[in-house]
C-alpha atoms as a PDB file:
ATOM      1  CA  MET A   1      59.410  54.837  90.880  1.00  0.00           C
ATOM      2  CA  LEU A   2      59.983  58.683  89.990  1.00  0.00           C
ATOM      3  CA  LYS A   3      61.043  59.852  93.117  1.00  0.00           C
ATOM      4  CA  LYS A   4      63.271  56.723  93.478  1.00  0.00           C
ATOM      5  CA  THR A   5      64.932  58.072  90.194  1.00  0.00           C
ATOM      6  CA  VAL A   6      65.352  61.802  90.749  1.00  0.00           C
ATOM      7  CA  GLN A   7      67.221  60.661  94.773  1.00  0.00           C
ATOM      8  CA  GLY A   8      69.674  58.272  92.880  1.00  0.00           C
ATOM      9  CA  THR A   9      70.405  60.819  89.530  1.00  0.00           C
ATOM     10  CA  PHE A  10      70.605  64.008  92.488  1.00  0.00           C
ATOM     11  CA  LEU A  11      72.933  60.989  94.558  1.00  0.00           C
ATOM     12  CA  LEU A  12      74.915  60.377  91.240  1.00  0.00           C
ATOM     13  CA  PHE A  13      75.099  64.242  90.525  1.00  0.00           C
ATOM     14  CA  MET A  14      76.304  65.474  94.769  1.00  0.00           C
ATOM     15  CA  LEU A  15      78.959  62.555  93.788  1.00  0.00           C
ATOM     16  CA  VAL A  16      80.418  64.163  90.802  1.00  0.00           C
ATOM     17  CA  SER A  17      79.878  67.266  92.162  1.00  0.00           C
ATOM     18  CA  LEU A  18      82.679  66.223  94.988  1.00  0.00           C
ATOM     19  CA  SER A  19      84.417  64.546  93.218  1.00  0.00           C
ATOM     20  CA  GLY A  20      85.213  67.377  91.173  1.00  0.00           C
ATOM     21  CA  CYS A  21      85.461  68.794  94.359  1.00  0.00           C
ATOM     22  CA  ILE A  22      87.748  66.922  96.051  1.00  0.00           C
ATOM     23  CA  ALA A  23      90.500  66.495  93.039  1.00  0.00           C
ATOM     24  CA  ALA A  24      90.737  70.994  93.076  1.00  0.00           C
ATOM     25  CA  THR A  25      91.772  70.177  96.853  1.00  0.00           C
ATOM     26  CA  VAL A  26      93.331  68.014  95.830  1.00  0.00           C
ATOM     27  CA  VAL A  27      95.864  69.713  93.418  1.00  0.00           C
ATOM     28  CA  SER A  28      95.342  73.224  94.892  1.00  0.00           C
ATOM     29  CA  THR A  29      97.150  71.497  97.850  1.00  0.00           C
ATOM     30  CA  ALA A  30     100.263  69.472  95.496  1.00  0.00           C
ATOM     31  CA  VAL A  31     100.871  73.274  93.825  1.00  0.00           C
ATOM     32  CA  GLY A  32     100.974  74.396  97.350  1.00  0.00           C
ATOM     33  CA  VAL A  33     103.724  71.846  98.610  1.00  0.00           C
ATOM     34  CA  THR A  34     105.714  71.575  95.729  1.00  0.00           C
ATOM     35  CA  THR A  35     105.480  76.160  95.511  1.00  0.00           C
ATOM     36  CA  THR A  36     106.387  75.570  99.522  1.00  0.00           C
ATOM     37  CA  VAL A  37     109.588  73.325  97.971  1.00  0.00           C
ATOM     38  CA  VAL A  38     110.538  74.905  95.743  1.00  0.00           C
ATOM     39  CA  GLY A  39     111.050  78.117  97.817  1.00  0.00           C
ATOM     40  CA  GLY A  40     112.443  76.700  99.922  1.00  0.00           C
ATOM     41  CA  ALA A  41     115.034  75.228  97.348  1.00  0.00           C
ATOM     42  CA  ILE A  42     115.205  78.608  96.335  1.00  0.00           C
ATOM     43  CA  ASP A  43     116.109  80.345  99.696  1.00  0.00           C
ATOM     44  CA  VAL A  44     118.509  77.847 100.640  1.00  0.00           C
ATOM     45  CA  VAL A  45     120.122  78.331  96.809  1.00  0.00           C
ATOM     46  CA  ASP A  46     120.787  81.824  97.746  1.00  0.00           C
ATOM     47  CA  VAL A  47     121.787  81.267 101.169  1.00  0.00           C
ATOM     48  CA  VAL A  48     124.555  79.308  99.874  1.00  0.00           C
ATOM     49  CA  THR A  49     125.169  80.772  96.837  1.00  0.00           C
ATOM     50  CA  PRO A  50     126.944  83.528  98.276  1.00  0.00           C
ATOM     51  CA  ASP A  51     129.543  81.616  99.993  1.00  0.00           C
ATOM     52  CA  ILE A  52     130.266  79.453  96.903  1.00  0.00           C
ATOM     53  CA  ILE A  53     131.505  82.989  95.076  1.00  0.00           C
ATOM     54  CA  ASP A  54     133.389  84.776  97.921  1.00  0.00           C
ATOM     55  CA  ASP A  55     135.350  81.490  98.595  1.00  0.00           C
ATOM     56  CA  ASP A  56     136.275  80.792  94.952  1.00  0.00           C
ATOM     57  CA  ASP A  57     136.492  85.031  94.873  1.00  0.00           C
ATOM     58  CA  GLU A  58     139.236  84.145  97.859  1.00  0.00           C
ATOM     59  CA  GLN A  59     140.849  81.966  96.023  1.00  0.00           C
ATOM     60  CA  LEU A  60     141.634  83.200  93.181  1.00  0.00           C
ATOM     61  CA  GLU A  61     143.575  86.444  94.914  1.00  0.00           C
ATOM     62  CA  LYS A  62     144.965  84.453  97.165  1.00  0.00           C
ATOM     63  CA  ASP A  63     146.262  82.485  94.214  1.00  0.00           C
ATOM     64  CA  ASP A  64     147.679  86.042  92.433  1.00  0.00           C
ATOM     65  CA  LYS A  65     149.041  86.524  95.356  1.00  0.00           C
ATOM     66  CA  ASP A  66     151.013  83.414  95.817  1.00  0.00           C
ATOM     67  CA  SER A  67     152.047  84.126  91.771  1.00  0.00           C
ATOM     68  CA  SER A  68     152.682  87.359  92.156  1.00  0.00           C
ATOM     69  CA  ASP A  69     154.925  86.687  95.007  1.00  0.00           C
ATOM     70  CA  ASN A  70     157.148  84.120  92.603  1.00  0.00           C
END
């Protein structure tokens, strides 16, 4: 009877320990994916933003030129 109790306690302890490891792995994976997605979004913004700023500057120069011609 004592042997079965010890085995049951050991198995329960292992199950709890492994579930903690699994939870830590899931959280770690989720953080990694989120970091990758956010990093990719920042890279896209870095690539697109200079074009938007350049387009705005070109438009302002064009407007200034048009207004000086009149």
